[in-house]
Every structure is written in C-alpha cells, then in structure tokens.
C-alpha cells in the first residue's frame, strides 16, 4: 500500500427510502456477500420497529443512537525506546462513525434473539437510551484513554 497520500473519499449515495447517508452506510456495513437487498430489508425492518417502540421518527432514533455510541478518544500503541505505550489520541470524524457502526452491528449480531431485525432494533434502542454493550464498549475505550493520559505527550 502506498504511503504517499490517502486515497480520496468516495461519495456515499443516500438510501432510497429515507434519503439519508447514515442509513446507507448502515446497510453497507450490514451487507454480507453482496446481498444488499437482504441488508436493506433488515435495516428497514429494524427502523420500522424503532418507530413503533420509540414513538418518534426512526431517523432521529438512529442518529441519536449512533451519536451515543460514537467514541471521541482512543488509545493507540506507540513504541518509545523499547517500551510500548498506550497513547490516548483523538479520533478522526470518519473513523468515529465507522467504529460506532461496527460496534453496533457486532453487538447486534452477538445478541440472542430470533431474527436480525429484532436484534438490530434492540441494539439501536439500547444505544438510543444510553445503555447496552455498545455504550459499554465506548465507555471502556474512554476509560482506557483516561487511565493512560500520562502518556499523552507521546502523541505524534
């Protein structure tokens, strides 16, 4: 892989039903083996469940759930003089969103339940109300960064 420069970011096409880029990203992250129609069916079903459970528009619930699950700071290893330190660093905006979506989907897949629609809607509802495994993961990441704040001067 070239180290010269970053490839330019591709433009994400919004999804057809909600006309929202976040929903489109969620569908793309959920998709396995190129089965986009299946991923869309799961996401739209979960969004319908969210609307009935939260009694609010599904887009608002999804955006708040993702915002609650989004980490701000993480630790990254840095070698200094033979020792490896966990250095807390702020996360770029695109990586924040990627981590939040990845954690939401990982924890939804781990949940015991009947269908992926139910699991995803339950995980999004938990993140919306600031609880559940995804929020715990975010808080653990922040605690780790806080614990290693002494090594913050090793930033590069």
N, C-alpha and C. Protein backbone atom coordinates (compact mmCIF):
# COMPACT_ATOMS: atom_id res chain seq x y z
N UNK A 1 0.84 -1.19 0.00
CA UNK A 1 0.00 0.00 0.00
C UNK A 1 0.87 1.23 0.00
N UNK A 2 0.52 2.19 -0.80
CA UNK A 2 1.31 3.41 -0.93
C UNK A 2 1.21 4.25 0.33
N UNK A 3 2.33 4.82 0.75
CA UNK A 3 2.33 5.68 1.92
C UNK A 3 2.35 7.14 1.53
N UNK A 4 2.29 7.43 0.24
CA UNK A 4 2.42 8.81 -0.19
C UNK A 4 1.26 9.67 0.22
N UNK A 5 0.05 9.27 -0.14
CA UNK A 5 -1.11 10.07 0.23
C UNK A 5 -2.34 9.19 0.37
N UNK A 6 -3.33 9.73 1.02
CA UNK A 6 -4.56 8.97 1.22
C UNK A 6 -5.38 9.00 -0.06
N UNK A 7 -6.07 7.89 -0.34
CA UNK A 7 -6.98 7.92 -1.49
C UNK A 7 -8.14 8.85 -1.19
N UNK A 8 -8.69 9.47 -2.23
CA UNK A 8 -9.79 10.39 -1.99
C UNK A 8 -11.04 9.62 -1.58
N UNK A 9 -11.83 10.23 -0.74
CA UNK A 9 -13.03 9.59 -0.22
C UNK A 9 -14.09 9.49 -1.30
N UNK A 10 -14.74 8.33 -1.37
CA UNK A 10 -15.82 8.16 -2.32
C UNK A 10 -17.09 8.77 -1.77
N UNK A 11 -17.92 9.26 -2.66
CA UNK A 11 -19.19 9.83 -2.23
C UNK A 11 -20.18 8.70 -1.99
N UNK A 12 -20.83 8.71 -0.84
CA UNK A 12 -21.80 7.67 -0.49
C UNK A 12 -23.16 8.10 -1.02
N UNK A 13 -23.81 7.21 -1.73
CA UNK A 13 -25.14 7.50 -2.27
C UNK A 13 -26.17 7.28 -1.16
N UNK A 14 -27.09 8.23 -1.01
CA UNK A 14 -28.11 8.10 0.04
C UNK A 14 -29.06 6.96 -0.29
N UNK A 15 -29.70 6.42 0.77
CA UNK A 15 -30.59 5.29 0.53
C UNK A 15 -31.93 5.78 -0.05
N UNK A 16 -32.64 4.91 -0.76
CA UNK A 16 -33.85 5.35 -1.46
C UNK A 16 -35.03 5.69 -0.55
N UNK A 17 -35.18 5.01 0.58
CA UNK A 17 -36.38 5.21 1.39
C UNK A 17 -36.29 6.46 2.26
N UNK A 18 -35.19 6.60 3.02
CA UNK A 18 -35.06 7.71 3.95
C UNK A 18 -34.24 8.87 3.39
N UNK A 19 -33.61 8.66 2.25
CA UNK A 19 -32.76 9.68 1.62
C UNK A 19 -31.70 10.18 2.60
N UNK A 20 -31.06 9.21 3.30
CA UNK A 20 -30.12 9.54 4.35
C UNK A 20 -28.83 8.75 4.14
N UNK A 21 -27.70 9.43 4.32
CA UNK A 21 -26.40 8.79 4.12
C UNK A 21 -26.07 7.81 5.24
N UNK A 22 -26.50 8.11 6.47
CA UNK A 22 -26.22 7.24 7.61
C UNK A 22 -26.90 5.87 7.44
N UNK A 23 -28.13 5.88 6.97
CA UNK A 23 -28.85 4.62 6.73
C UNK A 23 -28.14 3.83 5.64
N UNK A 24 -27.67 4.52 4.62
CA UNK A 24 -26.94 3.87 3.54
C UNK A 24 -25.66 3.22 4.05
N UNK A 25 -24.94 3.92 4.90
CA UNK A 25 -23.71 3.36 5.49
C UNK A 25 -24.03 2.13 6.35
N UNK A 26 -25.12 2.21 7.11
CA UNK A 26 -25.52 1.08 7.95
C UNK A 26 -25.85 -0.14 7.10
N UNK A 27 -26.57 0.08 6.00
CA UNK A 27 -26.90 -1.03 5.09
C UNK A 27 -25.62 -1.65 4.53
N UNK A 28 -24.68 -0.79 4.11
CA UNK A 28 -23.45 -1.29 3.52
C UNK A 28 -22.60 -2.06 4.52
N UNK A 29 -22.59 -1.61 5.78
CA UNK A 29 -21.82 -2.31 6.82
C UNK A 29 -22.47 -3.65 7.17
N UNK A 30 -23.79 -3.69 7.12
CA UNK A 30 -24.52 -4.91 7.48
C UNK A 30 -24.43 -5.98 6.38
N UNK A 31 -24.27 -5.53 5.15
CA UNK A 31 -24.32 -6.42 4.00
C UNK A 31 -23.22 -7.49 4.05
N UNK A 32 -23.61 -8.73 3.77
CA UNK A 32 -22.67 -9.85 3.68
C UNK A 32 -22.78 -10.47 2.30
N UNK A 33 -21.66 -10.80 1.70
CA UNK A 33 -21.60 -11.49 0.40
C UNK A 33 -22.36 -10.76 -0.71
N UNK A 34 -22.38 -9.43 -0.64
CA UNK A 34 -23.00 -8.64 -1.69
C UNK A 34 -24.52 -8.67 -1.71
N UNK A 35 -25.15 -9.16 -0.64
CA UNK A 35 -26.61 -9.26 -0.60
C UNK A 35 -27.20 -7.97 -0.02
N UNK A 36 -27.24 -6.96 -0.85
CA UNK A 36 -27.69 -5.65 -0.41
C UNK A 36 -29.19 -5.62 -0.14
N UNK A 37 -29.97 -6.33 -0.94
CA UNK A 37 -31.42 -6.34 -0.75
C UNK A 37 -31.77 -6.93 0.62
N UNK A 38 -31.07 -7.98 1.02
CA UNK A 38 -31.29 -8.58 2.33
C UNK A 38 -30.93 -7.60 3.44
N UNK A 39 -29.79 -6.92 3.28
CA UNK A 39 -29.35 -5.95 4.28
C UNK A 39 -30.35 -4.80 4.38
N UNK A 40 -30.86 -4.34 3.25
CA UNK A 40 -31.87 -3.27 3.26
C UNK A 40 -33.14 -3.72 3.97
N UNK A 41 -33.56 -4.95 3.70
CA UNK A 41 -34.77 -5.47 4.34
C UNK A 41 -34.60 -5.51 5.86
N UNK A 42 -33.42 -5.93 6.32
CA UNK A 42 -33.14 -5.99 7.76
C UNK A 42 -33.15 -4.58 8.37
N UNK A 43 -32.44 -3.65 7.74
CA UNK A 43 -32.35 -2.29 8.28
C UNK A 43 -33.70 -1.61 8.28
N UNK A 44 -34.45 -1.71 7.18
CA UNK A 44 -35.76 -1.05 7.12
C UNK A 44 -36.73 -1.69 8.10
N UNK A 45 -36.64 -2.99 8.29
CA UNK A 45 -37.48 -3.66 9.30
C UNK A 45 -37.14 -3.18 10.70
N UNK A 46 -35.84 -3.05 10.97
CA UNK A 46 -35.42 -2.55 12.28
C UNK A 46 -35.87 -1.11 12.50
N UNK A 47 -35.81 -0.30 11.43
CA UNK A 47 -36.25 1.09 11.53
C UNK A 47 -37.75 1.16 11.82
N UNK A 48 -38.53 0.28 11.20
CA UNK A 48 -39.97 0.25 11.46
C UNK A 48 -40.23 -0.13 12.92
N UNK A 49 -39.47 -1.11 13.44
CA UNK A 49 -39.59 -1.49 14.85
C UNK A 49 -39.25 -0.32 15.76
N UNK A 50 -38.19 0.42 15.42
CA UNK A 50 -37.78 1.56 16.23
C UNK A 50 -38.88 2.62 16.29
N UNK A 51 -39.52 2.87 15.16
CA UNK A 51 -40.58 3.87 15.12
C UNK A 51 -41.73 3.50 16.04
N UNK A 52 -42.11 2.23 16.05
CA UNK A 52 -43.22 1.81 16.90
C UNK A 52 -42.81 1.81 18.37
N UNK A 53 -41.58 1.41 18.69
CA UNK A 53 -41.15 1.33 20.08
C UNK A 53 -40.85 2.69 20.69
N UNK A 54 -40.22 3.58 19.92
CA UNK A 54 -39.82 4.89 20.46
C UNK A 54 -40.89 5.95 20.26
N UNK A 55 -41.84 5.69 19.37
CA UNK A 55 -42.88 6.67 19.03
C UNK A 55 -42.30 8.00 18.57
N UNK A 56 -41.19 7.91 17.85
CA UNK A 56 -40.51 9.04 17.22
C UNK A 56 -40.10 8.61 15.83
N UNK A 57 -39.75 9.56 14.95
CA UNK A 57 -39.24 9.16 13.63
C UNK A 57 -37.98 8.30 13.76
N UNK A 58 -37.90 7.24 12.96
CA UNK A 58 -36.80 6.29 13.06
C UNK A 58 -35.45 6.93 12.79
N UNK A 59 -35.41 7.92 11.90
CA UNK A 59 -34.14 8.59 11.58
C UNK A 59 -33.58 9.29 12.81
N UNK A 60 -34.45 9.97 13.58
CA UNK A 60 -33.99 10.65 14.80
C UNK A 60 -33.42 9.65 15.79
N UNK A 61 -34.12 8.53 15.97
CA UNK A 61 -33.68 7.50 16.90
C UNK A 61 -32.33 6.94 16.46
N UNK A 62 -32.20 6.64 15.16
CA UNK A 62 -30.95 6.10 14.64
C UNK A 62 -29.80 7.08 14.83
N UNK A 63 -30.02 8.35 14.49
CA UNK A 63 -28.95 9.33 14.60
C UNK A 63 -28.51 9.52 16.04
N UNK A 64 -29.46 9.55 16.99
CA UNK A 64 -29.09 9.70 18.39
C UNK A 64 -28.40 8.45 18.90
N UNK A 65 -28.83 7.28 18.48
CA UNK A 65 -28.19 6.03 18.89
C UNK A 65 -26.74 5.99 18.41
N UNK A 66 -26.52 6.38 17.16
CA UNK A 66 -25.15 6.39 16.62
C UNK A 66 -24.30 7.46 17.34
N UNK A 67 -24.90 8.63 17.61
CA UNK A 67 -24.17 9.68 18.31
C UNK A 67 -23.79 9.22 19.72
N UNK A 68 -24.69 8.50 20.40
CA UNK A 68 -24.39 7.98 21.75
C UNK A 68 -23.29 6.92 21.71
N UNK A 69 -23.21 6.17 20.62
CA UNK A 69 -22.24 5.08 20.51
C UNK A 69 -20.89 5.54 19.96
N UNK A 70 -20.79 6.80 19.53
CA UNK A 70 -19.58 7.28 18.87
C UNK A 70 -18.49 7.63 19.87
N UNK A 71 -17.32 6.99 19.77
CA UNK A 71 -16.21 7.34 20.66
C UNK A 71 -15.52 8.62 20.20
N UNK A 72 -14.90 9.32 21.13
CA UNK A 72 -14.22 10.57 20.81
C UNK A 72 -12.71 10.39 20.87
N UNK A 73 -12.26 9.52 21.78
CA UNK A 73 -10.82 9.34 22.00
C UNK A 73 -10.54 7.85 22.13
N UNK A 74 -9.38 7.43 21.67
CA UNK A 74 -8.98 6.03 21.78
C UNK A 74 -7.49 5.97 22.09
N UNK A 75 -7.01 4.78 22.49
CA UNK A 75 -5.58 4.62 22.73
C UNK A 75 -4.96 3.89 21.55
N UNK A 76 -3.76 4.32 21.19
CA UNK A 76 -3.03 3.68 20.10
C UNK A 76 -1.62 3.37 20.60
N UNK A 77 -1.09 2.23 20.23
CA UNK A 77 0.25 1.88 20.72
C UNK A 77 1.33 2.73 20.05
N UNK A 78 2.34 3.10 20.84
CA UNK A 78 3.46 3.90 20.33
C UNK A 78 4.72 3.39 20.98
N UNK A 79 5.69 3.00 20.15
CA UNK A 79 6.97 2.49 20.69
C UNK A 79 7.93 3.64 20.92
N UNK A 80 8.41 3.72 22.15
CA UNK A 80 9.38 4.75 22.51
C UNK A 80 10.49 4.07 23.30
N UNK A 81 11.67 4.03 22.72
CA UNK A 81 12.84 3.49 23.42
C UNK A 81 12.66 2.08 23.94
N UNK A 82 12.11 1.19 23.15
CA UNK A 82 11.98 -0.21 23.54
C UNK A 82 10.72 -0.52 24.33
N UNK A 83 10.00 0.49 24.78
CA UNK A 83 8.75 0.26 25.52
C UNK A 83 7.58 0.68 24.63
N UNK A 84 6.48 -0.01 24.78
CA UNK A 84 5.28 0.33 24.03
C UNK A 84 4.29 0.98 24.98
N UNK A 85 3.89 2.20 24.66
CA UNK A 85 2.94 2.93 25.48
C UNK A 85 1.60 3.00 24.76
N UNK A 86 0.53 2.97 25.54
CA UNK A 86 -0.81 3.19 25.00
C UNK A 86 -1.08 4.68 25.07
N UNK A 87 -1.02 5.35 23.93
CA UNK A 87 -1.13 6.81 23.89
C UNK A 87 -2.57 7.19 23.51
N UNK A 88 -3.24 7.99 24.37
CA UNK A 88 -4.59 8.43 24.00
C UNK A 88 -4.54 9.46 22.88
N UNK A 89 -5.39 9.27 21.88
CA UNK A 89 -5.43 10.19 20.73
C UNK A 89 -6.88 10.43 20.35
N UNK A 90 -7.15 11.62 19.86
CA UNK A 90 -8.48 11.94 19.37
C UNK A 90 -8.71 11.21 18.04
N UNK A 91 -9.95 10.84 17.78
CA UNK A 91 -10.28 10.05 16.59
C UNK A 91 -10.82 10.98 15.50
N UNK A 92 -10.41 10.72 14.27
CA UNK A 92 -10.95 11.48 13.13
C UNK A 92 -12.44 11.21 12.98
N UNK A 93 -13.15 12.14 12.39
CA UNK A 93 -14.62 12.07 12.29
C UNK A 93 -15.09 10.83 11.52
N UNK A 94 -14.43 10.50 10.41
CA UNK A 94 -14.87 9.35 9.61
C UNK A 94 -14.62 8.04 10.36
N UNK A 95 -13.54 7.96 11.11
CA UNK A 95 -13.25 6.76 11.91
C UNK A 95 -14.24 6.62 13.06
N UNK A 96 -14.64 7.75 13.66
CA UNK A 96 -15.62 7.71 14.74
C UNK A 96 -16.91 7.03 14.29
N UNK A 97 -17.40 7.47 13.13
CA UNK A 97 -18.64 6.90 12.61
C UNK A 97 -18.46 5.42 12.27
N UNK A 98 -17.32 5.09 11.68
CA UNK A 98 -17.05 3.69 11.31
C UNK A 98 -17.02 2.80 12.56
N UNK A 99 -16.37 3.28 13.63
CA UNK A 99 -16.31 2.49 14.87
C UNK A 99 -17.70 2.33 15.48
N UNK A 100 -18.47 3.41 15.50
CA UNK A 100 -19.82 3.33 16.09
C UNK A 100 -20.68 2.31 15.35
N UNK A 101 -20.68 2.38 14.01
CA UNK A 101 -21.48 1.43 13.23
C UNK A 101 -20.97 0.00 13.42
N UNK A 102 -19.66 -0.18 13.42
CA UNK A 102 -19.07 -1.51 13.59
C UNK A 102 -19.48 -2.10 14.94
N UNK A 103 -19.37 -1.31 16.00
CA UNK A 103 -19.72 -1.80 17.34
C UNK A 103 -21.20 -2.12 17.44
N UNK A 104 -22.04 -1.26 16.87
CA UNK A 104 -23.49 -1.52 16.91
C UNK A 104 -23.83 -2.84 16.24
N UNK A 105 -23.25 -3.07 15.06
CA UNK A 105 -23.56 -4.29 14.32
C UNK A 105 -22.95 -5.53 14.97
N UNK A 106 -21.73 -5.41 15.51
CA UNK A 106 -21.12 -6.55 16.20
C UNK A 106 -21.97 -6.98 17.39
N UNK A 107 -22.39 -6.01 18.19
CA UNK A 107 -23.17 -6.34 19.37
C UNK A 107 -24.58 -6.80 19.02
N UNK A 108 -25.13 -6.30 17.92
CA UNK A 108 -26.43 -6.79 17.47
C UNK A 108 -26.33 -8.24 17.02
N UNK A 109 -25.25 -8.59 16.33
CA UNK A 109 -25.08 -9.97 15.87
C UNK A 109 -24.87 -10.93 17.05
N UNK A 110 -24.22 -10.45 18.12
CA UNK A 110 -23.96 -11.31 19.28
C UNK A 110 -25.21 -11.57 20.11
N UNK A 111 -26.20 -10.68 20.03
CA UNK A 111 -27.40 -10.78 20.86
C UNK A 111 -28.13 -12.10 20.63
N UNK A 112 -28.66 -12.65 21.70
CA UNK A 112 -29.55 -13.80 21.49
C UNK A 112 -30.90 -13.27 21.01
N UNK A 113 -31.49 -13.94 20.07
CA UNK A 113 -32.79 -13.46 19.57
C UNK A 113 -33.22 -14.24 18.36
N UNK A 114 -34.39 -13.89 17.88
CA UNK A 114 -34.96 -14.61 16.76
C UNK A 114 -34.33 -14.16 15.45
N UNK A 115 -34.66 -12.96 15.04
CA UNK A 115 -34.20 -12.51 13.73
C UNK A 115 -33.23 -11.35 13.89
N UNK A 116 -32.49 -11.07 12.85
CA UNK A 116 -31.54 -9.96 12.86
C UNK A 116 -32.28 -8.63 12.96
N UNK A 117 -33.48 -8.56 12.44
CA UNK A 117 -34.29 -7.33 12.53
C UNK A 117 -34.53 -7.00 14.00
N UNK A 118 -34.95 -8.01 14.79
CA UNK A 118 -35.20 -7.79 16.22
C UNK A 118 -33.92 -7.44 16.96
N UNK A 119 -32.84 -8.15 16.63
CA UNK A 119 -31.57 -7.91 17.32
C UNK A 119 -31.07 -6.50 17.05
N UNK A 120 -31.12 -6.07 15.78
CA UNK A 120 -30.62 -4.74 15.41
C UNK A 120 -31.48 -3.65 16.04
N UNK A 121 -32.79 -3.82 16.00
CA UNK A 121 -33.65 -2.79 16.59
C UNK A 121 -33.45 -2.72 18.10
N UNK A 122 -33.24 -3.86 18.76
CA UNK A 122 -33.00 -3.85 20.21
C UNK A 122 -31.67 -3.16 20.54
N UNK A 123 -30.65 -3.43 19.75
CA UNK A 123 -29.33 -2.81 20.00
C UNK A 123 -29.40 -1.30 19.76
N UNK A 124 -30.08 -0.87 18.71
CA UNK A 124 -30.24 0.56 18.44
C UNK A 124 -31.07 1.23 19.53
N UNK A 125 -32.09 0.55 20.03
CA UNK A 125 -32.91 1.10 21.10
C UNK A 125 -32.09 1.25 22.38
N UNK A 126 -31.24 0.26 22.67
CA UNK A 126 -30.36 0.35 23.85
C UNK A 126 -29.39 1.52 23.70
N UNK A 127 -28.80 1.67 22.52
CA UNK A 127 -27.86 2.77 22.30
C UNK A 127 -28.59 4.11 22.37
N UNK A 128 -29.82 4.14 21.91
CA UNK A 128 -30.63 5.36 21.97
C UNK A 128 -30.85 5.79 23.43
N UNK A 129 -31.07 4.80 24.31
CA UNK A 129 -31.31 5.10 25.72
C UNK A 129 -30.03 5.03 26.56
N UNK A 130 -28.87 5.09 25.92
CA UNK A 130 -27.55 5.12 26.58
C UNK A 130 -27.31 3.93 27.49
N UNK A 131 -27.57 2.73 27.00
CA UNK A 131 -27.24 1.52 27.73
C UNK A 131 -26.89 0.43 26.73
N UNK A 132 -26.53 -0.74 27.22
CA UNK A 132 -26.21 -1.84 26.32
C UNK A 132 -24.72 -2.01 26.09
N UNK A 133 -24.38 -3.04 25.33
CA UNK A 133 -22.98 -3.42 25.12
C UNK A 133 -22.20 -2.39 24.31
N UNK A 134 -22.84 -1.76 23.35
CA UNK A 134 -22.14 -0.77 22.52
C UNK A 134 -21.71 0.43 23.34
N UNK A 135 -22.60 0.91 24.20
CA UNK A 135 -22.27 2.06 25.05
C UNK A 135 -21.19 1.67 26.05
N UNK A 136 -21.26 0.43 26.56
CA UNK A 136 -20.23 -0.05 27.49
C UNK A 136 -18.86 -0.08 26.80
N UNK A 137 -18.84 -0.49 25.54
CA UNK A 137 -17.59 -0.53 24.79
C UNK A 137 -17.01 0.87 24.62
N UNK A 138 -17.87 1.84 24.31
CA UNK A 138 -17.43 3.22 24.16
C UNK A 138 -16.87 3.74 25.48
N UNK A 139 -17.58 3.47 26.59
CA UNK A 139 -17.11 3.94 27.89
C UNK A 139 -15.81 3.28 28.29
N UNK A 140 -15.64 1.99 27.96
CA UNK A 140 -14.37 1.30 28.24
C UNK A 140 -13.22 1.93 27.47
N UNK A 141 -13.48 2.29 26.22
CA UNK A 141 -12.46 2.95 25.39
C UNK A 141 -12.06 4.28 26.01
N UNK A 142 -13.05 5.04 26.46
CA UNK A 142 -12.77 6.34 27.08
C UNK A 142 -12.04 6.18 28.41
N UNK A 143 -12.41 5.15 29.20
CA UNK A 143 -11.72 4.90 30.48
C UNK A 143 -10.26 4.55 30.25
N UNK A 144 -10.01 3.72 29.22
CA UNK A 144 -8.65 3.33 28.90
C UNK A 144 -7.82 4.56 28.53
N UNK A 145 -8.41 5.46 27.74
CA UNK A 145 -7.71 6.68 27.35
C UNK A 145 -7.45 7.57 28.56
N UNK A 146 -8.42 7.64 29.46
CA UNK A 146 -8.26 8.46 30.67
C UNK A 146 -7.16 7.88 31.56
N UNK A 147 -7.11 6.55 31.66
CA UNK A 147 -6.11 5.91 32.50
C UNK A 147 -4.70 6.11 31.96
N UNK A 148 -4.58 6.25 30.65
CA UNK A 148 -3.26 6.42 30.03
C UNK A 148 -2.97 7.87 29.66
N UNK A 149 -3.67 8.79 30.31
CA UNK A 149 -3.50 10.21 30.00
C UNK A 149 -2.07 10.68 30.26
N UNK A 150 -1.35 9.98 31.13
CA UNK A 150 0.03 10.37 31.45
C UNK A 150 0.95 10.25 30.23
N UNK A 151 0.56 9.42 29.27
CA UNK A 151 1.40 9.21 28.09
C UNK A 151 0.95 10.08 26.91
N UNK A 152 0.06 11.04 27.15
CA UNK A 152 -0.48 11.86 26.07
C UNK A 152 0.61 12.69 25.38
N UNK A 153 1.72 12.96 26.08
CA UNK A 153 2.78 13.77 25.47
C UNK A 153 3.57 12.98 24.42
N UNK A 154 3.29 11.68 24.26
CA UNK A 154 3.94 10.89 23.21
C UNK A 154 3.20 10.94 21.90
N UNK A 155 2.20 11.81 21.79
CA UNK A 155 1.45 11.92 20.52
C UNK A 155 2.39 12.23 19.37
N UNK A 156 2.01 11.81 18.19
CA UNK A 156 2.83 12.15 17.03
C UNK A 156 2.03 12.84 15.99
